[in-house]
């Protein structure tokens, strides 16, 4: 399987019969003296190279492509590939070669077992095969946890889960993965709470301490962000109990935290802009900027979430109806 280079193929095709001799049934290419040519490349194919004096460049071609082109001419479609029927890349007999599409070539390779992308041979594999067997046995015996595996191998929760349950590394399934699945189902609730979660940023003890310090006014959300390098929403969910809900100390955030006190002074304007003027969040941010207040869109969103929907004045309803009749 090599990609066609029509210029190189045309160049070598011009050398056949003079400087190169092709023997299709033997599957070899020789020089006029009878010496068999070809160097084994890293991809497993035999290839030859010659200097193109007309274009002043060095050209290469695979032996099997040269033999096929010498017998059948240049392919009409340069994306087509030359496939070895027996899977032996060095068997370049013309009867062992066929012109196929890349898809057909890949299917043929998988059918013969030439492409082994299972387990540790996969390009994105994190674990070795021996490591997978060892980790599955330890997890089934309760000697190791998913967070420990994640920290040791610096990988995601899903990567560890798929490895333990046999979704990945299928050929290593020996029954241990069934016990791992049973344990994950049995511990589904506890595995997703607090520090046992695969994506946990804080430990349970840290969460309790941060909640106590924050609601005592000793630390701010921005300070927690800077310390742990996380998003503001992550801190808010931790403080309000949306995450780590099983731990004490969670409280609703005050309005002054959701939006600063200066913006809170414009509460009526923001509510009127949003509910009566039907302005979007970015438009409200732009209007506040004209008042000298620099805020983010999420500040407005959080502020509006914490406010009850106001009753629309009768004058505004009358104005809406008149506009509708005019349209």
C-alpha atoms as a PDB file:
ATOM      1  CA  UNK A   1       0.000   0.000   0.000  1.00  0.00           C
ATOM      2  CA  UNK A   2       1.678   3.169  -1.206  1.00  0.00           C
ATOM      3  CA  UNK A   3       0.292   6.425  -2.517  1.00  0.00           C
ATOM      4  CA  UNK A   4       0.816   7.029  -6.225  1.00  0.00           C
ATOM      5  CA  UNK A   5       3.218   9.666  -7.482  1.00  0.00           C
ATOM      6  CA  UNK A   6       2.447   9.874 -11.190  1.00  0.00           C
ATOM      7  CA  UNK A   7       5.528  11.944 -12.029  1.00  0.00           C
ATOM      8  CA  UNK A   8       7.850   9.427 -10.375  1.00  0.00           C
ATOM      9  CA  UNK A   9       6.023   6.506 -11.978  1.00  0.00           C
ATOM     10  CA  UNK A  10       6.252   8.112 -15.420  1.00  0.00           C
ATOM     11  CA  UNK A  11       9.967   8.772 -14.842  1.00  0.00           C
ATOM     12  CA  UNK A  12      10.751   5.150 -13.897  1.00  0.00           C
ATOM     13  CA  UNK A  13       8.484   3.839 -16.638  1.00  0.00           C
ATOM     14  CA  UNK A  14      10.746   5.641 -19.111  1.00  0.00           C
ATOM     15  CA  UNK A  15      13.771   3.801 -17.690  1.00  0.00           C
ATOM     16  CA  UNK A  16      12.234   0.351 -18.123  1.00  0.00           C
ATOM     17  CA  UNK A  17      13.891  -1.521 -20.986  1.00  0.00           C
ATOM     18  CA  UNK A  18      17.077   0.556 -20.969  1.00  0.00           C
ATOM     19  CA  UNK A  19      18.431   1.166 -17.479  1.00  0.00           C
ATOM     20  CA  UNK A  20      15.943  -1.049 -15.655  1.00  0.00           C
ATOM     21  CA  UNK A  21      14.748  -4.559 -16.487  1.00  0.00           C
ATOM     22  CA  UNK A  22      11.438  -5.781 -15.043  1.00  0.00           C
ATOM     23  CA  UNK A  23      10.604  -9.461 -14.554  1.00  0.00           C
ATOM     24  CA  UNK A  24       6.891  -9.564 -13.598  1.00  0.00           C
ATOM     25  CA  UNK A  25       6.598 -13.298 -12.892  1.00  0.00           C
ATOM     26  CA  UNK A  26       9.693 -13.281 -10.706  1.00  0.00           C
ATOM     27  CA  UNK A  27       8.626 -10.027  -9.071  1.00  0.00           C
ATOM     28  CA  UNK A  28      12.046  -8.406  -9.328  1.00  0.00           C
ATOM     29  CA  UNK A  29      13.692  -5.445 -11.031  1.00  0.00           C
ATOM     30  CA  UNK A  30      17.318  -5.610 -12.164  1.00  0.00           C
ATOM     31  CA  UNK A  31      19.879  -3.402 -13.836  1.00  0.00           C
ATOM     32  CA  UNK A  32      21.260  -4.295 -17.276  1.00  0.00           C
ATOM     33  CA  UNK A  33      24.033  -6.309 -15.580  1.00  0.00           C
ATOM     34  CA  UNK A  34      21.430  -8.549 -13.925  1.00  0.00           C
ATOM     35  CA  UNK A  35      21.793  -7.283 -10.343  1.00  0.00           C
ATOM     36  CA  UNK A  36      18.502  -7.392  -8.404  1.00  0.00           C
ATOM     37  CA  UNK A  37      17.617  -3.918  -7.186  1.00  0.00           C
ATOM     38  CA  UNK A  38      15.596  -2.783  -4.211  1.00  0.00           C
ATOM     39  CA  UNK A  39      16.123  -1.596  -0.660  1.00  0.00           C
ATOM     40  CA  UNK A  40      13.825  -2.677   2.154  1.00  0.00           C
ATOM     41  CA  UNK A  41      12.224   0.413   3.667  1.00  0.00           C
ATOM     42  CA  UNK A  42      10.857   0.880   7.175  1.00  0.00           C
ATOM     43  CA  UNK A  43       7.285   0.324   5.962  1.00  0.00           C
ATOM     44  CA  UNK A  44       8.210  -3.157   4.730  1.00  0.00           C
ATOM     45  CA  UNK A  45       8.207  -2.430   0.981  1.00  0.00           C
ATOM     46  CA  UNK A  46      11.122  -2.773  -1.429  1.00  0.00           C
ATOM     47  CA  UNK A  47      11.963   0.436  -3.287  1.00  0.00           C
ATOM     48  CA  UNK A  48      14.533   1.894  -5.664  1.00  0.00           C
ATOM     49  CA  UNK A  49      15.656   5.450  -6.300  1.00  0.00           C
ATOM     50  CA  UNK A  50      17.205   7.359  -9.189  1.00  0.00           C
ATOM     51  CA  UNK A  51      18.238  10.945  -9.791  1.00  0.00           C
ATOM     52  CA  UNK A  52      16.075  12.834 -12.296  1.00  0.00           C
ATOM     53  CA  UNK A  53      18.550  15.058 -14.144  1.00  0.00           C
ATOM     54  CA  UNK A  54      15.829  16.787 -16.187  1.00  0.00           C
ATOM     55  CA  UNK A  55      14.001  18.056 -13.083  1.00  0.00           C
ATOM     56  CA  UNK A  56      17.081  17.968 -10.809  1.00  0.00           C
ATOM     57  CA  UNK A  57      15.423  15.925  -8.063  1.00  0.00           C
ATOM     58  CA  UNK A  58      15.740  12.463  -6.534  1.00  0.00           C
ATOM     59  CA  UNK A  59      12.813  10.117  -7.162  1.00  0.00           C
ATOM     60  CA  UNK A  60      11.776   6.877  -5.505  1.00  0.00           C
ATOM     61  CA  UNK A  61       9.257   4.192  -6.330  1.00  0.00           C
ATOM     62  CA  UNK A  62       8.196   0.941  -4.712  1.00  0.00           C
ATOM     63  CA  UNK A  63       9.134  -2.209  -6.606  1.00  0.00           C
ATOM     64  CA  UNK A  64       5.580  -3.559  -6.621  1.00  0.00           C
ATOM     65  CA  UNK A  65       4.229  -0.305  -8.090  1.00  0.00           C
ATOM     66  CA  UNK A  66       6.908  -0.276 -10.783  1.00  0.00           C
ATOM     67  CA  UNK A  67       6.112  -3.891 -11.770  1.00  0.00           C
ATOM     68  CA  UNK A  68       2.377  -3.206 -11.917  1.00  0.00           C
ATOM     69  CA  UNK A  69       2.842   0.014 -13.900  1.00  0.00           C
ATOM     70  CA  UNK A  70       5.265  -1.681 -16.322  1.00  0.00           C
ATOM     71  CA  UNK A  71       2.642  -4.351 -17.072  1.00  0.00           C
ATOM     72  CA  UNK A  72      -0.564  -2.291 -16.990  1.00  0.00           C
ATOM     73  CA  UNK A  73       0.455   1.335 -17.547  1.00  0.00           C
ATOM     74  CA  UNK A  74      -0.177   4.338 -15.333  1.00  0.00           C
ATOM     75  CA  UNK A  75      -3.391   4.110 -13.270  1.00  0.00           C
ATOM     76  CA  UNK A  76      -6.190   6.454 -14.306  1.00  0.00           C
ATOM     77  CA  UNK A  77      -6.928   7.339 -10.674  1.00  0.00           C
ATOM     78  CA  UNK A  78      -3.840   8.324  -8.602  1.00  0.00           C
ATOM     79  CA  UNK A  79      -5.675   7.498  -5.349  1.00  0.00           C
ATOM     80  CA  UNK A  80      -5.842   3.787  -6.210  1.00  0.00           C
ATOM     81  CA  UNK A  81      -3.369   1.510  -4.440  1.00  0.00           C
ATOM     82  CA  UNK A  82      -1.533  -1.698  -5.312  1.00  0.00           C
ATOM     83  CA  UNK A  83      -2.411  -4.493  -2.900  1.00  0.00           C
ATOM     84  CA  UNK A  84      -0.501  -7.737  -2.179  1.00  0.00           C
ATOM     85  CA  UNK A  85      -3.024 -10.580  -2.253  1.00  0.00           C
ATOM     86  CA  UNK A  86      -1.073 -12.830   0.142  1.00  0.00           C
ATOM     87  CA  UNK A  87      -0.153  -9.979   2.506  1.00  0.00           C
ATOM     88  CA  UNK A  88       3.583 -10.463   1.880  1.00  0.00           C
ATOM     89  CA  UNK A  89       4.978  -7.029   1.010  1.00  0.00           C
ATOM     90  CA  UNK A  90       8.110  -8.473  -0.560  1.00  0.00           C
ATOM     91  CA  UNK A  91       6.280 -10.903  -2.872  1.00  0.00           C
ATOM     92  CA  UNK A  92       6.004  -8.677  -5.929  1.00  0.00           C
ATOM     93  CA  UNK A  93       4.914 -11.318  -8.447  1.00  0.00           C
ATOM     94  CA  UNK A  94       2.501  -9.661 -10.878  1.00  0.00           C
ATOM     95  CA  UNK A  95      -0.136 -12.321 -10.111  1.00  0.00           C
ATOM     96  CA  UNK A  96       0.083 -11.340  -6.429  1.00  0.00           C
ATOM     97  CA  UNK A  97      -0.751  -7.679  -7.148  1.00  0.00           C
ATOM     98  CA  UNK A  98      -4.126  -6.010  -7.651  1.00  0.00           C
ATOM     99  CA  UNK A  99      -5.348  -2.433  -8.066  1.00  0.00           C
ATOM    100  CA  UNK A 100      -7.781  -1.497  -5.266  1.00  0.00           C
ATOM    101  CA  UNK A 101      -9.232   1.509  -3.485  1.00  0.00           C
ATOM    102  CA  UNK A 102      -7.790   2.575  -0.101  1.00  0.00           C
ATOM    103  CA  UNK A 103     -10.918   1.243   1.628  1.00  0.00           C
ATOM    104  CA  UNK A 104     -10.605  -2.163  -0.027  1.00  0.00           C
ATOM    105  CA  UNK A 105      -6.918  -2.267   0.838  1.00  0.00           C
ATOM    106  CA  UNK A 106      -7.617  -1.536   4.505  1.00  0.00           C
ATOM    107  CA  UNK A 107     -10.350  -4.191   4.681  1.00  0.00           C
ATOM    108  CA  UNK A 108      -8.044  -6.749   3.091  1.00  0.00           C
ATOM    109  CA  UNK A 109      -5.299  -5.887   5.595  1.00  0.00           C
ATOM    110  CA  UNK A 110      -7.657  -6.322   8.547  1.00  0.00           C
ATOM    111  CA  UNK A 111      -8.969  -9.565   7.102  1.00  0.00           C
ATOM    112  CA  UNK A 112      -5.457 -11.003   6.975  1.00  0.00           C
ATOM    113  CA  UNK A 113      -4.622  -9.642  10.442  1.00  0.00           C
ATOM    114  CA  UNK A 114      -1.824  -7.400   9.170  1.00  0.00           C
ATOM    115  CA  UNK A 115      -3.077  -4.330  11.037  1.00  0.00           C
ATOM    116  CA  UNK A 116      -3.118  -4.977  14.758  1.00  0.00           C
ATOM    117  CA  UNK A 117      -4.526  -1.913  16.508  1.00  0.00           C
ATOM    118  CA  UNK A 118      -5.783  -3.736  19.582  1.00  0.00           C
ATOM    119  CA  UNK A 119      -4.569  -3.030  23.090  1.00  0.00           C
ATOM    120  CA  UNK A 120      -1.140  -1.522  23.496  1.00  0.00           C
ATOM    121  CA  UNK A 121      -0.623  -1.501  19.713  1.00  0.00           C
ATOM    122  CA  UNK A 122      -3.236   1.235  19.280  1.00  0.00           C
ATOM    123  CA  UNK A 123      -1.797   4.644  18.473  1.00  0.00           C
ATOM    124  CA  UNK A 124      -3.564   6.241  21.472  1.00  0.00           C
ATOM    125  CA  UNK A 125      -3.058   3.427  23.964  1.00  0.00           C
ATOM    126  CA  UNK A 126      -2.337   4.588  27.527  1.00  0.00           C
ATOM    127  CA  UNK A 127      -1.796   1.223  29.192  1.00  0.00           C
ATOM    128  CA  UNK A 128       0.340  -1.755  28.230  1.00  0.00           C
ATOM    129  CA  UNK A 129      -1.293  -5.163  28.019  1.00  0.00           C
ATOM    130  CA  UNK A 130       0.471  -6.465  31.150  1.00  0.00           C
ATOM    131  CA  UNK A 131      -0.479  -3.298  33.015  1.00  0.00           C
ATOM    132  CA  UNK A 132      -4.149  -3.761  32.078  1.00  0.00           C
ATOM    133  CA  UNK A 133      -4.223  -7.306  33.434  1.00  0.00           C
ATOM    134  CA  UNK A 134      -2.545  -6.193  36.672  1.00  0.00           C
ATOM    135  CA  UNK A 135      -4.840  -3.177  37.187  1.00  0.00           C
ATOM    136  CA  UNK A 136      -7.995  -5.204  36.571  1.00  0.00           C
ATOM    137  CA  UNK A 137      -6.982  -7.799  39.164  1.00  0.00           C
ATOM    138  CA  UNK A 138      -6.092  -5.125  41.737  1.00  0.00           C
ATOM    139  CA  UNK A 139      -9.346  -3.224  41.162  1.00  0.00           C
ATOM    140  CA  UNK A 140     -11.428  -6.408  41.398  1.00  0.00           C
ATOM    141  CA  UNK A 141      -9.670  -7.229  44.692  1.00  0.00           C
ATOM    142  CA  UNK A 142     -10.297  -3.718  46.055  1.00  0.00           C
ATOM    143  CA  UNK A 143      -6.582  -2.876  46.255  1.00  0.00           C
ATOM    144  CA  UNK A 144      -6.775   0.194  44.008  1.00  0.00           C
ATOM    145  CA  UNK A 145      -9.327   2.867  43.072  1.00  0.00           C
ATOM    146  CA  UNK A 146     -10.105   4.669  39.843  1.00  0.00           C
ATOM    147  CA  UNK A 147      -8.837   8.081  41.099  1.00  0.00           C
ATOM    148  CA  UNK A 148      -5.518   6.458  42.019  1.00  0.00           C
ATOM    149  CA  UNK A 149      -5.167   5.016  38.511  1.00  0.00           C
ATOM    150  CA  UNK A 150      -6.078   8.389  37.003  1.00  0.00           C
ATOM    151  CA  UNK A 151      -3.462  10.251  39.002  1.00  0.00           C
ATOM    152  CA  UNK A 152      -0.750   7.664  38.346  1.00  0.00           C
ATOM    153  CA  UNK A 153      -1.289   7.487  34.567  1.00  0.00           C
ATOM    154  CA  UNK A 154      -2.550  11.084  34.127  1.00  0.00           C
ATOM    155  CA  UNK A 155      -5.633  10.028  32.192  1.00  0.00           C
ATOM    156  CA  UNK A 156      -9.389  10.598  32.235  1.00  0.00           C
ATOM    157  CA  UNK A 157     -12.068   8.721  34.167  1.00  0.00           C
ATOM    158  CA  UNK A 158     -13.601   7.302  30.987  1.00  0.00           C
ATOM    159  CA  UNK A 159     -10.229   5.892  29.846  1.00  0.00           C
ATOM    160  CA  UNK A 160      -9.843   3.988  33.131  1.00  0.00           C
ATOM    161  CA  UNK A 161     -13.461   2.831  33.174  1.00  0.00           C
ATOM    162  CA  UNK A 162     -13.331   1.532  29.590  1.00  0.00           C
ATOM    163  CA  UNK A 163     -10.077  -0.288  30.350  1.00  0.00           C
ATOM    164  CA  UNK A 164     -11.420  -1.933  33.519  1.00  0.00           C
ATOM    165  CA  UNK A 165     -14.787  -2.951  32.084  1.00  0.00           C
ATOM    166  CA  UNK A 166     -13.339  -4.485  28.908  1.00  0.00           C
ATOM    167  CA  UNK A 167     -14.745  -1.949  26.455  1.00  0.00           C
ATOM    168  CA  UNK A 168     -11.133  -1.348  25.453  1.00  0.00           C
ATOM    169  CA  UNK A 169      -8.426  -4.055  25.360  1.00  0.00           C
ATOM    170  CA  UNK A 170     -11.022  -6.630  24.305  1.00  0.00           C
ATOM    171  CA  UNK A 171      -8.526  -9.415  23.650  1.00  0.00           C
ATOM    172  CA  UNK A 172      -7.404  -9.294  27.300  1.00  0.00           C
ATOM    173  CA  UNK A 173     -10.886 -10.075  28.627  1.00  0.00           C
ATOM    174  CA  UNK A 174     -10.591 -13.138  30.851  1.00  0.00           C
ATOM    175  CA  UNK A 175     -13.535 -12.672  33.221  1.00  0.00           C
ATOM    176  CA  UNK A 176     -11.855 -10.153  35.517  1.00  0.00           C
ATOM    177  CA  UNK A 177     -13.535  -7.313  33.639  1.00  0.00           C
ATOM    178  CA  UNK A 178     -16.935  -8.754  34.629  1.00  0.00           C
ATOM    179  CA  UNK A 179     -16.072  -8.367  38.306  1.00  0.00           C
ATOM    180  CA  UNK A 180     -14.889  -4.809  37.602  1.00  0.00           C
ATOM    181  CA  UNK A 181     -18.227  -4.032  35.965  1.00  0.00           C
ATOM    182  CA  UNK A 182     -20.108  -5.440  38.948  1.00  0.00           C
ATOM    183  CA  UNK A 183     -18.093  -3.300  41.365  1.00  0.00           C
ATOM    184  CA  UNK A 184     -18.637  -0.159  39.283  1.00  0.00           C
ATOM    185  CA  UNK A 185     -22.395  -0.765  39.173  1.00  0.00           C
ATOM    186  CA  UNK A 186     -22.533  -1.472  42.897  1.00  0.00           C
ATOM    187  CA  UNK A 187     -20.557   1.662  43.708  1.00  0.00           C
ATOM    188  CA  UNK A 188     -22.164   3.870  41.046  1.00  0.00           C
ATOM    189  CA  UNK A 189     -23.531   6.352  43.573  1.00  0.00           C
ATOM    190  CA  UNK A 190     -20.507   6.564  45.850  1.00  0.00           C
ATOM    191  CA  UNK A 191     -18.075   6.694  42.928  1.00  0.00           C
ATOM    192  CA  UNK A 192     -19.743   9.839  41.624  1.00  0.00           C
ATOM    193  CA  UNK A 193     -19.781  11.807  44.866  1.00  0.00           C
ATOM    194  CA  UNK A 194     -17.145  14.252  46.044  1.00  0.00           C
ATOM    195  CA  UNK A 195     -13.509  13.321  45.898  1.00  0.00           C
ATOM    196  CA  UNK A 196     -14.388   9.838  44.603  1.00  0.00           C
ATOM    197  CA  UNK A 197     -15.615  11.328  41.344  1.00  0.00           C
ATOM    198  CA  UNK A 198     -13.354  10.874  38.380  1.00  0.00           C
ATOM    199  CA  UNK A 199     -13.215  14.625  37.691  1.00  0.00           C
ATOM    200  CA  UNK A 200     -12.967  15.851  41.286  1.00  0.00           C
ATOM    201  CA  UNK A 201     -10.796  18.947  41.802  1.00  0.00           C
ATOM    202  CA  UNK A 202     -11.229  19.213  45.568  1.00  0.00           C
ATOM    203  CA  UNK A 203     -11.055  16.689  48.360  1.00  0.00           C
ATOM    204  CA  UNK A 204     -13.941  16.435  50.822  1.00  0.00           C
ATOM    205  CA  UNK A 205     -11.928  18.067  53.603  1.00  0.00           C
ATOM    206  CA  UNK A 206     -10.937  20.959  51.322  1.00  0.00           C
ATOM    207  CA  UNK A 207     -14.565  21.539  50.295  1.00  0.00           C
ATOM    208  CA  UNK A 208     -15.719  21.817  53.915  1.00  0.00           C
ATOM    209  CA  UNK A 209     -12.866  24.208  54.715  1.00  0.00           C
ATOM    210  CA  UNK A 210     -13.472  26.399  51.652  1.00  0.00           C
ATOM    211  CA  UNK A 211     -17.194  26.664  52.352  1.00  0.00           C
ATOM    212  CA  UNK A 212     -16.564  27.682  55.958  1.00  0.00           C
ATOM    213  CA  UNK A 213     -13.954  30.277  54.985  1.00  0.00           C
ATOM    214  CA  UNK A 214     -15.973  31.694  52.093  1.00  0.00           C
ATOM    215  CA  UNK A 215     -19.213  32.246  53.981  1.00  0.00           C
ATOM    216  CA  UNK A 216     -17.180  33.735  56.853  1.00  0.00           C
ATOM    217  CA  UNK A 217     -15.810  36.315  54.424  1.00  0.00           C
ATOM    218  CA  UNK A 218     -12.187  35.124  54.672  1.00  0.00           C
ATOM    219  CA  UNK A 219     -11.797  34.081  51.032  1.00  0.00           C
ATOM    220  CA  UNK A 220     -13.360  35.001  47.689  1.00  0.00           C
ATOM    221  CA  UNK A 221     -14.337  33.061  44.585  1.00  0.00           C
ATOM    222  CA  UNK A 222     -11.502  34.625  42.582  1.00  0.00           C
ATOM    223  CA  UNK A 223      -8.986  33.555  45.229  1.00  0.00           C
ATOM    224  CA  UNK A 224     -10.245  29.962  45.067  1.00  0.00           C
ATOM    225  CA  UNK A 225     -10.011  30.089  41.267  1.00  0.00           C
ATOM    226  CA  UNK A 226      -6.437  31.339  41.390  1.00  0.00           C
ATOM    227  CA  UNK A 227      -5.403  28.728  43.956  1.00  0.00           C
ATOM    228  CA  UNK A 228      -6.910  25.676  42.233  1.00  0.00           C
ATOM    229  CA  UNK A 229      -6.846  26.860  38.603  1.00  0.00           C
ATOM    230  CA  UNK A 230     -10.511  26.109  37.928  1.00  0.00           C
ATOM    231  CA  UNK A 231     -13.523  27.792  36.333  1.00  0.00           C
ATOM    232  CA  UNK A 232     -15.773  30.135  38.295  1.00  0.00           C
ATOM    233  CA  UNK A 233     -18.788  27.859  37.758  1.00  0.00           C
ATOM    234  CA  UNK A 234     -16.883  24.979  39.386  1.00  0.00           C
ATOM    235  CA  UNK A 235     -16.343  27.073  42.516  1.00  0.00           C
ATOM    236  CA  UNK A 236     -19.959  28.262  42.579  1.00  0.00           C
ATOM    237  CA  UNK A 237     -21.317  24.715  42.255  1.00  0.00           C
ATOM    238  CA  UNK A 238     -19.032  23.565  45.057  1.00  0.00           C
ATOM    239  CA  UNK A 239     -20.086  26.396  47.388  1.00  0.00           C
ATOM    240  CA  UNK A 240     -23.817  26.119  46.725  1.00  0.00           C
ATOM    241  CA  UNK A 241     -23.957  22.326  46.994  1.00  0.00           C
ATOM    242  CA  UNK A 242     -24.733  21.529  43.371  1.00  0.00           C
ATOM    243  CA  UNK A 243     -21.574  19.420  43.577  1.00  0.00           C
ATOM    244  CA  UNK A 244     -20.406  17.754  46.806  1.00  0.00           C
ATOM    245  CA  UNK A 245     -24.061  17.910  47.931  1.00  0.00           C
ATOM    246  CA  UNK A 246     -23.425  15.209  50.531  1.00  0.00           C
ATOM    247  CA  UNK A 247     -21.101  17.503  52.519  1.00  0.00           C
ATOM    248  CA  UNK A 248     -22.276  20.137  55.025  1.00  0.00           C
ATOM    249  CA  UNK A 249     -21.798  23.904  54.770  1.00  0.00           C
ATOM    250  CA  UNK A 250     -23.422  24.598  51.373  1.00  0.00           C
ATOM    251  CA  UNK A 251     -25.492  27.788  51.117  1.00  0.00           C
ATOM    252  CA  UNK A 252     -27.021  29.919  48.355  1.00  0.00           C
ATOM    253  CA  UNK A 253     -24.725  32.660  47.133  1.00  0.00           C
ATOM    254  CA  UNK A 254     -25.799  36.192  48.061  1.00  0.00           C
ATOM    255  CA  UNK A 255     -26.798  38.577  45.285  1.00  0.00           C
ATOM    256  CA  UNK A 256     -23.718  40.677  45.996  1.00  0.00           C
ATOM    257  CA  UNK A 257     -21.598  37.703  44.948  1.00  0.00           C
ATOM    258  CA  UNK A 258     -23.596  36.937  41.837  1.00  0.00           C
ATOM    259  CA  UNK A 259     -23.161  40.491  40.604  1.00  0.00           C
ATOM    260  CA  UNK A 260     -21.180  43.279  42.222  1.00  0.00           C
ATOM    261  CA  UNK A 261     -22.849  45.876  44.366  1.00  0.00           C
ATOM    262  CA  UNK A 262     -22.541  48.640  41.762  1.00  0.00           C
ATOM    263  CA  UNK A 263     -24.464  46.586  39.226  1.00  0.00           C
ATOM    264  CA  UNK A 264     -27.035  45.649  41.872  1.00  0.00           C
ATOM    265  CA  UNK A 265     -27.817  49.353  42.149  1.00  0.00           C
ATOM    266  CA  UNK A 266     -29.124  49.167  38.564  1.00  0.00           C
ATOM    267  CA  UNK A 267     -31.440  46.283  39.365  1.00  0.00           C
ATOM    268  CA  UNK A 268     -34.596  47.982  38.057  1.00  0.00           C
ATOM    269  CA  UNK A 269     -32.898  49.040  34.821  1.00  0.00           C
ATOM    270  CA  UNK A 270     -31.608  45.528  34.141  1.00  0.00           C
ATOM    271  CA  UNK A 271     -34.998  43.990  34.817  1.00  0.00           C
ATOM    272  CA  UNK A 272     -36.707  46.538  32.548  1.00  0.00           C
ATOM    273  CA  UNK A 273     -34.159  46.014  29.763  1.00  0.00           C
ATOM    274  CA  UNK A 274     -34.544  42.253  29.920  1.00  0.00           C
ATOM    275  CA  UNK A 275     -38.286  41.772  30.481  1.00  0.00           C
ATOM    276  CA  UNK A 276     -39.823  44.889  28.923  1.00  0.00           C
ATOM    277  CA  UNK A 277     -37.327  45.934  26.238  1.00  0.00           C
ATOM    278  CA  UNK A 278     -36.511  42.285  25.473  1.00  0.00           C
ATOM    279  CA  UNK A 279     -32.785  42.961  25.280  1.00  0.00           C
ATOM    280  CA  UNK A 280     -30.328  40.080  25.153  1.00  0.00           C
ATOM    281  CA  UNK A 281     -27.606  39.545  27.745  1.00  0.00           C
ATOM    282  CA  UNK A 282     -24.854  41.006  25.517  1.00  0.00           C
ATOM    283  CA  UNK A 283     -27.031  44.065  24.847  1.00  0.00           C
ATOM    284  CA  UNK A 284     -27.480  44.595  28.598  1.00  0.00           C
ATOM    285  CA  UNK A 285     -23.730  44.261  29.092  1.00  0.00           C
ATOM    286  CA  UNK A 286     -23.226  46.953  26.432  1.00  0.00           C
ATOM    287  CA  UNK A 287     -25.706  49.284  28.119  1.00  0.00           C
ATOM    288  CA  UNK A 288     -23.984  48.807  31.490  1.00  0.00           C
ATOM    289  CA  UNK A 289     -20.673  49.554  29.813  1.00  0.00           C
ATOM    290  CA  UNK A 290     -22.090  52.934  28.711  1.00  0.00           C
ATOM    291  CA  UNK A 291     -22.812  53.591  32.379  1.00  0.00           C
ATOM    292  CA  UNK A 292     -19.172  52.867  33.194  1.00  0.00           C
ATOM    293  CA  UNK A 293     -19.718  49.355  34.573  1.00  0.00           C
ATOM    294  CA  UNK A 294     -17.608  46.611  33.002  1.00  0.00           C
ATOM    295  CA  UNK A 295     -19.259  43.229  33.570  1.00  0.00           C
ATOM    296  CA  UNK A 296     -19.409  39.848  31.855  1.00  0.00           C
ATOM    297  CA  UNK A 297     -22.438  38.181  30.301  1.00  0.00           C
ATOM    298  CA  UNK A 298     -22.547  35.501  32.993  1.00  0.00           C
ATOM    299  CA  UNK A 299     -22.791  38.250  35.673  1.00  0.00           C
ATOM    300  CA  UNK A 300     -26.077  39.361  34.140  1.00  0.00           C
ATOM    301  CA  UNK A 301     -27.268  35.775  33.738  1.00  0.00           C
ATOM    302  CA  UNK A 302     -26.650  34.907  37.389  1.00  0.00           C
ATOM    303  CA  UNK A 303     -28.252  38.160  38.511  1.00  0.00           C
ATOM    304  CA  UNK A 304     -31.433  37.495  36.531  1.00  0.00           C
ATOM    305  CA  UNK A 305     -31.646  33.910  37.807  1.00  0.00           C
ATOM    306  CA  UNK A 306     -31.775  35.178  41.386  1.00  0.00           C
ATOM    307  CA  UNK A 307     -34.490  37.761  40.735  1.00  0.00           C
ATOM    308  CA  UNK A 308     -38.241  37.065  40.597  1.00  0.00           C
ATOM    309  CA  UNK A 309     -39.916  37.902  37.317  1.00  0.00           C
ATOM    310  CA  UNK A 310     -41.446  41.392  37.690  1.00  0.00           C
ATOM    311  CA  UNK A 311     -45.016  42.225  36.717  1.00  0.00           C
ATOM    312  CA  UNK A 312     -45.116  44.095  33.440  1.00  0.00           C
ATOM    313  CA  UNK A 313     -46.765  47.486  33.785  1.00  0.00           C
ATOM    314  CA  UNK A 314     -50.183  48.103  32.213  1.00  0.00           C
ATOM    315  CA  UNK A 315     -48.749  50.906  30.093  1.00  0.00           C
ATOM    316  CA  UNK A 316     -46.189  48.537  28.610  1.00  0.00           C
ATOM    317  CA  UNK A 317     -48.878  45.900  27.914  1.00  0.00           C
ATOM    318  CA  UNK A 318     -51.005  48.551  26.183  1.00  0.00           C
ATOM    319  CA  UNK A 319     -47.970  49.598  24.120  1.00  0.00           C
ATOM    320  CA  UNK A 320     -47.345  45.995  23.100  1.00  0.00           C
ATOM    321  CA  UNK A 321     -50.961  45.561  21.996  1.00  0.00           C
ATOM    322  CA  UNK A 322     -50.939  48.773  19.963  1.00  0.00           C
ATOM    323  CA  UNK A 323     -47.731  47.761  18.229  1.00  0.00           C
ATOM    324  CA  UNK A 324     -49.206  44.341  17.440  1.00  0.00           C
ATOM    325  CA  UNK A 325     -52.331  45.951  15.947  1.00  0.00           C
ATOM    326  CA  UNK A 326     -50.178  48.303  13.889  1.00  0.00           C
ATOM    327  CA  UNK A 327     -48.312  45.321  12.425  1.00  0.00           C
END
